[in-house]
Structure formats: C-alpha cells, structure tokens
PDB file of N, CA and C in Angstrom:
ATOM      1  N   MET A   1      44.041  31.654 -16.302  1.00  0.00           N
ATOM      2  CA  MET A   1      43.453  32.266 -17.483  1.00  0.00           C
ATOM      3  C   MET A   1      43.728  33.779 -17.401  1.00  0.00           C
ATOM      4  N   PRO A   2      44.312  34.353 -18.440  1.00  0.00           N
ATOM      5  CA  PRO A   2      44.596  35.779 -18.391  1.00  0.00           C
ATOM      6  C   PRO A   2      43.317  36.594 -18.409  1.00  0.00           C
ATOM      7  N   LYS A   3      43.343  37.681 -17.672  1.00  0.00           N
ATOM      8  CA  LYS A   3      42.177  38.541 -17.589  1.00  0.00           C
ATOM      9  C   LYS A   3      42.146  39.484 -18.799  1.00  0.00           C
ATOM     10  N   VAL A   4      40.954  39.739 -19.301  1.00  0.00           N
ATOM     11  CA  VAL A   4      40.779  40.613 -20.454  1.00  0.00           C
ATOM     12  C   VAL A   4      40.954  42.055 -19.988  1.00  0.00           C
ATOM     13  N   PRO A   5      41.827  42.815 -20.655  1.00  0.00           N
ATOM     14  CA  PRO A   5      42.011  44.197 -20.215  1.00  0.00           C
ATOM     15  C   PRO A   5      40.759  45.031 -20.503  1.00  0.00           C
ATOM     16  N   PRO A   6      40.445  45.962 -19.612  1.00  0.00           N
ATOM     17  CA  PRO A   6      39.244  46.782 -19.828  1.00  0.00           C
ATOM     18  C   PRO A   6      39.471  47.826 -20.921  1.00  0.00           C
ATOM     19  N   TYR A   7      38.366  48.244 -21.512  1.00  0.00           N
ATOM     20  CA  TYR A   7      38.418  49.335 -22.482  1.00  0.00           C
ATOM     21  C   TYR A   7      38.333  50.644 -21.718  1.00  0.00           C
ATOM     22  N   ASP A   8      39.263  51.526 -21.982  1.00  0.00           N
ATOM     23  CA  ASP A   8      39.311  52.796 -21.258  1.00  0.00           C
ATOM     24  C   ASP A   8      38.760  53.890 -22.163  1.00  0.00           C
ATOM     25  N   THR A   9      37.649  54.522 -21.741  1.00  0.00           N
ATOM     26  CA  THR A   9      37.044  55.591 -22.526  1.00  0.00           C
ATOM     27  C   THR A   9      37.499  56.969 -22.065  1.00  0.00           C
ATOM     28  N   GLY A  10      38.341  57.014 -21.064  1.00  0.00           N
ATOM     29  CA  GLY A  10      38.781  58.294 -20.531  1.00  0.00           C
ATOM     30  C   GLY A  10      38.157  58.563 -19.173  1.00  0.00           C
ATOM     31  N   LYS A  11      36.852  58.327 -19.071  1.00  0.00           N
ATOM     32  CA  LYS A  11      36.174  58.556 -17.799  1.00  0.00           C
ATOM     33  C   LYS A  11      35.899  57.244 -17.065  1.00  0.00           C
ATOM     34  N   ILE A  12      35.547  56.213 -17.810  1.00  0.00           N
ATOM     35  CA  ILE A  12      35.239  54.924 -17.184  1.00  0.00           C
ATOM     36  C   ILE A  12      36.003  53.812 -17.892  1.00  0.00           C
ATOM     37  N   LYS A  13      36.152  52.711 -17.186  1.00  0.00           N
ATOM     38  CA  LYS A  13      36.779  51.524 -17.768  1.00  0.00           C
ATOM     39  C   LYS A  13      35.701  50.469 -17.953  1.00  0.00           C
ATOM     40  N   ILE A  14      35.421  50.142 -19.211  1.00  0.00           N
ATOM     41  CA  ILE A  14      34.397  49.157 -19.526  1.00  0.00           C
ATOM     42  C   ILE A  14      35.014  47.771 -19.450  1.00  0.00           C
ATOM     43  N   GLY A  15      34.374  46.900 -18.683  1.00  0.00           N
ATOM     44  CA  GLY A  15      34.834  45.516 -18.578  1.00  0.00           C
ATOM     45  C   GLY A  15      35.919  45.303 -17.555  1.00  0.00           C
ATOM     46  N   CYS A  16      36.122  46.231 -16.639  1.00  0.00           N
ATOM     47  CA  CYS A  16      37.197  46.057 -15.660  1.00  0.00           C
ATOM     48  C   CYS A  16      36.869  44.967 -14.641  1.00  0.00           C
ATOM     49  N   ARG A  17      35.597  44.612 -14.480  1.00  0.00           N
ATOM     50  CA  ARG A  17      35.207  43.560 -13.534  1.00  0.00           C
ATOM     51  C   ARG A  17      34.714  42.300 -14.238  1.00  0.00           C
ATOM     52  N   TYR A  18      34.919  42.230 -15.531  1.00  0.00           N
ATOM     53  CA  TYR A  18      34.471  41.060 -16.295  1.00  0.00           C
ATOM     54  C   TYR A  18      35.409  39.886 -16.070  1.00  0.00           C
ATOM     55  N   ASP A  19      34.848  38.745 -15.724  1.00  0.00           N
ATOM     56  CA  ASP A  19      35.608  37.500 -15.619  1.00  0.00           C
ATOM     57  C   ASP A  19      35.067  36.545 -16.673  1.00  0.00           C
ATOM     58  N   PRO A  20      35.913  36.065 -17.583  1.00  0.00           N
ATOM     59  CA  PRO A  20      35.436  35.133 -18.604  1.00  0.00           C
ATOM     60  C   PRO A  20      34.957  33.836 -17.967  1.00  0.00           C
ATOM     61  N   PRO A  21      34.026  33.129 -18.618  1.00  0.00           N
ATOM     62  CA  PRO A  21      33.538  31.864 -18.072  1.00  0.00           C
ATOM     63  C   PRO A  21      34.668  30.866 -17.875  1.00  0.00           C
ATOM     64  N   LEU A  22      34.580  30.083 -16.811  1.00  0.00           N
ATOM     65  CA  LEU A  22      35.657  29.156 -16.478  1.00  0.00           C
ATOM     66  C   LEU A  22      35.505  27.797 -17.157  1.00  0.00           C
ATOM     67  N   ARG A  23      34.312  27.469 -17.636  1.00  0.00           N
ATOM     68  CA  ARG A  23      34.108  26.156 -18.232  1.00  0.00           C
ATOM     69  C   ARG A  23      33.265  26.276 -19.486  1.00  0.00           C
ATOM     70  N   ASP A  24      33.219  25.176 -20.229  1.00  0.00           N
ATOM     71  CA  ASP A  24      32.416  25.129 -21.444  1.00  0.00           C
ATOM     72  C   ASP A  24      30.941  25.213 -21.075  1.00  0.00           C
ATOM     73  N   GLN A  25      30.165  25.946 -21.838  1.00  0.00           N
ATOM     74  CA  GLN A  25      28.762  26.165 -21.537  1.00  0.00           C
ATOM     75  C   GLN A  25      27.858  25.045 -22.052  1.00  0.00           C
ATOM     76  N   TYR A  26      28.390  24.139 -22.868  1.00  0.00           N
ATOM     77  CA  TYR A  26      27.560  23.120 -23.503  1.00  0.00           C
ATOM     78  C   TYR A  26      27.877  21.744 -22.948  1.00  0.00           C
ATOM     79  N   ASN A  27      26.851  20.906 -22.845  1.00  0.00           N
ATOM     80  CA  ASN A  27      27.070  19.513 -22.472  1.00  0.00           C
ATOM     81  C   ASN A  27      26.995  18.666 -23.750  1.00  0.00           C
ATOM     82  N   PRO A  28      27.341  17.389 -23.680  1.00  0.00           N
ATOM     83  CA  PRO A  28      27.365  16.569 -24.902  1.00  0.00           C
ATOM     84  C   PRO A  28      26.017  16.485 -25.617  1.00  0.00           C
ATOM     85  N   ASP A  29      24.919  16.488 -24.863  1.00  0.00           N
ATOM     86  CA  ASP A  29      23.600  16.429 -25.509  1.00  0.00           C
ATOM     87  C   ASP A  29      23.336  17.683 -26.337  1.00  0.00           C
ATOM     88  N   GLN A  30      23.710  18.827 -25.818  1.00  0.00           N
ATOM     89  CA  GLN A  30      23.509  20.063 -26.562  1.00  0.00           C
ATOM     90  C   GLN A  30      24.382  20.100 -27.811  1.00  0.00           C
ATOM     91  N   ASP A  31      25.604  19.585 -27.696  1.00  0.00           N
ATOM     92  CA  ASP A  31      26.473  19.501 -28.871  1.00  0.00           C
ATOM     93  C   ASP A  31      25.867  18.590 -29.934  1.00  0.00           C
ATOM     94  N   TRP A  32      25.324  17.433 -29.492  1.00  0.00           N
ATOM     95  CA  TRP A  32      24.710  16.502 -30.441  1.00  0.00           C
ATOM     96  C   TRP A  32      23.525  17.141 -31.145  1.00  0.00           C
ATOM     97  N   ILE A  33      22.662  17.835 -30.409  1.00  0.00           N
ATOM     98  CA  ILE A  33      21.495  18.486 -31.010  1.00  0.00           C
ATOM     99  C   ILE A  33      21.930  19.538 -32.024  1.00  0.00           C
ATOM    100  N   GLN A  34      22.945  20.328 -31.662  1.00  0.00           N
ATOM    101  CA  GLN A  34      23.427  21.358 -32.578  1.00  0.00           C
ATOM    102  C   GLN A  34      24.025  20.734 -33.837  1.00  0.00           C
ATOM    103  N   GLU A  35      24.808  19.667 -33.685  1.00  0.00           N
ATOM    104  CA  GLU A  35      25.373  19.001 -34.856  1.00  0.00           C
ATOM    105  C   GLU A  35      24.269  18.429 -35.733  1.00  0.00           C
ATOM    106  N   TRP A  36      23.249  17.855 -35.116  1.00  0.00           N
ATOM    107  CA  TRP A  36      22.140  17.267 -35.878  1.00  0.00           C
ATOM    108  C   TRP A  36      21.379  18.347 -36.637  1.00  0.00           C
ATOM    109  N   LEU A  37      21.116  19.487 -35.994  1.00  0.00           N
ATOM    110  CA  LEU A  37      20.378  20.564 -36.659  1.00  0.00           C
ATOM    111  C   LEU A  37      21.176  21.181 -37.805  1.00  0.00           C
ATOM    112  N   LEU A  38      22.493  21.238 -37.644  1.00  0.00           N
ATOM    113  CA  LEU A  38      23.338  21.828 -38.685  1.00  0.00           C
ATOM    114  C   LEU A  38      23.723  20.820 -39.765  1.00  0.00           C
ATOM    115  N   GLY A  39      23.421  19.550 -39.546  1.00  0.00           N
ATOM    116  CA  GLY A  39      23.740  18.522 -40.533  1.00  0.00           C
ATOM    117  C   GLY A  39      25.199  18.128 -40.547  1.00  0.00           C
ATOM    118  N   ILE A  40      25.881  18.255 -39.424  1.00  0.00           N
ATOM    119  CA  ILE A  40      27.297  17.903 -39.336  1.00  0.00           C
ATOM    120  C   ILE A  40      27.408  16.414 -39.051  1.00  0.00           C
ATOM    121  N   GLU A  41      28.133  15.706 -39.901  1.00  0.00           N
ATOM    122  CA  GLU A  41      28.331  14.269 -39.730  1.00  0.00           C
ATOM    123  C   GLU A  41      29.523  14.018 -38.815  1.00  0.00           C
ATOM    124  N   LYS A  42      29.408  12.988 -37.972  1.00  0.00           N
ATOM    125  CA  LYS A  42      30.526  12.596 -37.141  1.00  0.00           C
ATOM    126  C   LYS A  42      31.547  11.846 -37.991  1.00  0.00           C
ATOM    127  N   ASP A  43      32.807  11.882 -37.566  1.00  0.00           N
ATOM    128  CA  ASP A  43      33.815  11.137 -38.310  1.00  0.00           C
ATOM    129  C   ASP A  43      33.722   9.650 -37.948  1.00  0.00           C
ATOM    130  N   TRP A  44      34.419   8.817 -38.675  1.00  0.00           N
ATOM    131  CA  TRP A  44      34.293   7.368 -38.521  1.00  0.00           C
ATOM    132  C   TRP A  44      34.721   6.898 -37.143  1.00  0.00           C
ATOM    133  N   PHE A  45      35.680   7.586 -36.516  1.00  0.00           N
ATOM    134  CA  PHE A  45      36.156   7.155 -35.206  1.00  0.00           C
ATOM    135  C   PHE A  45      35.057   7.296 -34.148  1.00  0.00           C
ATOM    136  N   GLU A  46      34.340   8.426 -34.165  1.00  0.00           N
ATOM    137  CA  GLU A  46      33.270   8.629 -33.198  1.00  0.00           C
ATOM    138  C   GLU A  46      32.123   7.647 -33.427  1.00  0.00           C
ATOM    139  N   LYS A  47      31.817   7.360 -34.693  1.00  0.00           N
ATOM    140  CA  LYS A  47      30.766   6.386 -34.984  1.00  0.00           C
ATOM    141  C   LYS A  47      31.157   5.004 -34.480  1.00  0.00           C
ATOM    142  N   THR A  48      32.408   4.601 -34.719  1.00  0.00           N
ATOM    143  CA  THR A  48      32.889   3.303 -34.266  1.00  0.00           C
ATOM    144  C   THR A  48      32.900   3.238 -32.745  1.00  0.00           C
ATOM    145  N   GLU A  49      33.309   4.317 -32.115  1.00  0.00           N
ATOM    146  CA  GLU A  49      33.341   4.366 -30.653  1.00  0.00           C
ATOM    147  C   GLU A  49      31.933   4.182 -30.077  1.00  0.00           C
ATOM    148  N   ASN A  50      30.943   4.818 -30.680  1.00  0.00           N
ATOM    149  CA  ASN A  50      29.565   4.678 -30.222  1.00  0.00           C
ATOM    150  C   ASN A  50      29.049   3.262 -30.447  1.00  0.00           C
ATOM    151  N   LEU A  51      29.371   2.649 -31.571  1.00  0.00           N
ATOM    152  CA  LEU A  51      28.927   1.286 -31.845  1.00  0.00           C
ATOM    153  C   LEU A  51      29.510   0.303 -30.840  1.00  0.00           C
ATOM    154  N   ILE A  52      30.780   0.472 -30.508  1.00  0.00           N
ATOM    155  CA  ILE A  52      31.412  -0.403 -29.523  1.00  0.00           C
ATOM    156  C   ILE A  52      30.737  -0.236 -28.161  1.00  0.00           C
ATOM    157  N   GLU A  53      30.438   0.989 -27.798  1.00  0.00           N
ATOM    158  CA  GLU A  53      29.777   1.254 -26.520  1.00  0.00           C
ATOM    159  C   GLU A  53      28.392   0.592 -26.478  1.00  0.00           C
ATOM    160  N   TYR A  54      27.614   0.712 -27.540  1.00  0.00           N
ATOM    161  CA  TYR A  54      26.293   0.090 -27.587  1.00  0.00           C
ATOM    162  C   TYR A  54      26.391  -1.437 -27.555  1.00  0.00           C
ATOM    163  N   ALA A  55      27.384  -1.991 -28.237  1.00  0.00           N
ATOM    164  CA  ALA A  55      27.570  -3.441 -28.234  1.00  0.00           C
ATOM    165  C   ALA A  55      27.881  -3.934 -26.819  1.00  0.00           C
ATOM    166  N   ILE A  56      28.697  -3.201 -26.095  1.00  0.00           N
ATOM    167  CA  ILE A  56      29.018  -3.579 -24.711  1.00  0.00           C
ATOM    168  C   ILE A  56      27.762  -3.527 -23.846  1.00  0.00           C
ATOM    169  N   TYR A  57      26.943  -2.503 -24.027  1.00  0.00           N
ATOM    170  CA  TYR A  57      25.683  -2.414 -23.262  1.00  0.00           C
ATOM    171  C   TYR A  57      24.789  -3.617 -23.539  1.00  0.00           C
ATOM    172  N   ILE A  58      24.670  -3.994 -24.800  1.00  0.00           N
ATOM    173  CA  ILE A  58      23.808  -5.131 -25.163  1.00  0.00           C
ATOM    174  C   ILE A  58      24.350  -6.423 -24.563  1.00  0.00           C
ATOM    175  N   ILE A  59      25.663  -6.614 -24.600  1.00  0.00           N
ATOM    176  CA  ILE A  59      26.271  -7.816 -24.026  1.00  0.00           C
ATOM    177  C   ILE A  59      26.046  -7.869 -22.520  1.00  0.00           C
ATOM    178  N   VAL A  60      26.195  -6.749 -21.836  1.00  0.00           N
ATOM    179  CA  VAL A  60      25.991  -6.716 -20.382  1.00  0.00           C
ATOM    180  C   VAL A  60      24.532  -7.004 -20.038  1.00  0.00           C
ATOM    181  N   ILE A  61      23.603  -6.405 -20.755  1.00  0.00           N
ATOM    182  CA  ILE A  61      22.179  -6.639 -20.484  1.00  0.00           C
ATOM    183  C   ILE A  61      21.830  -8.102 -20.736  1.00  0.00           C
ATOM    184  N   TYR A  62      22.319  -8.674 -21.830  1.00  0.00           N
ATOM    185  CA  TYR A  62      22.053 -10.087 -22.139  1.00  0.00           C
ATOM    186  C   TYR A  62      22.647 -10.991 -21.059  1.00  0.00           C
ATOM    187  N   SER A  63      23.863 -10.660 -20.603  1.00  0.00           N
ATOM    188  CA  SER A  63      24.502 -11.476 -19.567  1.00  0.00           C
ATOM    189  C   SER A  63      23.710 -11.422 -18.262  1.00  0.00           C
ATOM    190  N   VAL A  64      23.245 -10.269 -17.880  1.00  0.00           N
ATOM    191  CA  VAL A  64      22.463 -10.136 -16.654  1.00  0.00           C
ATOM    192  C   VAL A  64      21.156 -10.910 -16.770  1.00  0.00           C
ATOM    193  N   LEU A  65      20.488 -10.788 -17.896  1.00  0.00           N
ATOM    194  CA  LEU A  65      19.228 -11.526 -18.086  1.00  0.00           C
ATOM    195  C   LEU A  65      19.461 -13.031 -18.088  1.00  0.00           C
ATOM    196  N   THR A  66      20.554 -13.479 -18.675  1.00  0.00           N
ATOM    197  CA  THR A  66      20.880 -14.904 -18.693  1.00  0.00           C
ATOM    198  C   THR A  66      21.174 -15.403 -17.285  1.00  0.00           C
ATOM    199  N   LEU A  67      21.903 -14.638 -16.498  1.00  0.00           N
ATOM    200  CA  LEU A  67      22.200 -15.032 -15.136  1.00  0.00           C
ATOM    201  C   LEU A  67      20.954 -15.075 -14.262  1.00  0.00           C
ATOM    202  N   LEU A  68      19.982 -14.241 -14.578  1.00  0.00           N
ATOM    203  CA  LEU A  68      18.737 -14.246 -13.817  1.00  0.00           C
ATOM    204  C   LEU A  68      17.798 -15.358 -14.270  1.00  0.00           C
ATOM    205  N   GLY A  69      18.142 -16.048 -15.347  1.00  0.00           N
ATOM    206  CA  GLY A  69      17.346 -17.174 -15.817  1.00  0.00           C
ATOM    207  C   GLY A  69      16.301 -16.798 -16.843  1.00  0.00           C
ATOM    208  N   ARG A  70      16.488 -15.643 -17.482  1.00  0.00           N
ATOM    209  CA  ARG A  70      15.533 -15.198 -18.527  1.00  0.00           C
ATOM    210  C   ARG A  70      16.301 -14.977 -19.832  1.00  0.00           C
ATOM    211  N   PRO A  71      16.491 -16.033 -20.604  1.00  0.00           N
ATOM    212  CA  PRO A  71      17.258 -15.854 -21.851  1.00  0.00           C
ATOM    213  C   PRO A  71      16.493 -15.109 -22.915  1.00  0.00           C
TER     214      PRO A  71
END
C-alpha cells in the first residue's frame, strides 16, 4: 500500500508518521445494520444466497433431529 505523502508547512511535516489502516473497519453485522438504517435493499443474488443458506441449515437440523429419533 503506498504511503500518503506528508503535508509540508515549511517548519513541520504533517502526517509524516501516518499509516493508513490495513483492513476494513466494519464487519458484516455492522454493514447489515447500516444498510437497514439507510433503507438500502439487497440485490436478488444476495437474497437468494441467504435463502439457500437458511434452507441448508434447516435441512441439517432436521436431519440431525431425525437421526436422534426426534422427528
């Protein structure tokens, strides 16, 4: 990552020791909360991806319960 050049005022250099952050500051939960507060709708691909993920979870839970003898 290229370093940001400092601002030179003549006497001092502002930002000469500044290192930009190396990673994204937000996790997926924070992104979801921000999108929800701003009213941003997800596109159809993300909605479909989430539905498939939830369906897999339900199938796995049902299979485990069935194997344990609790249908």
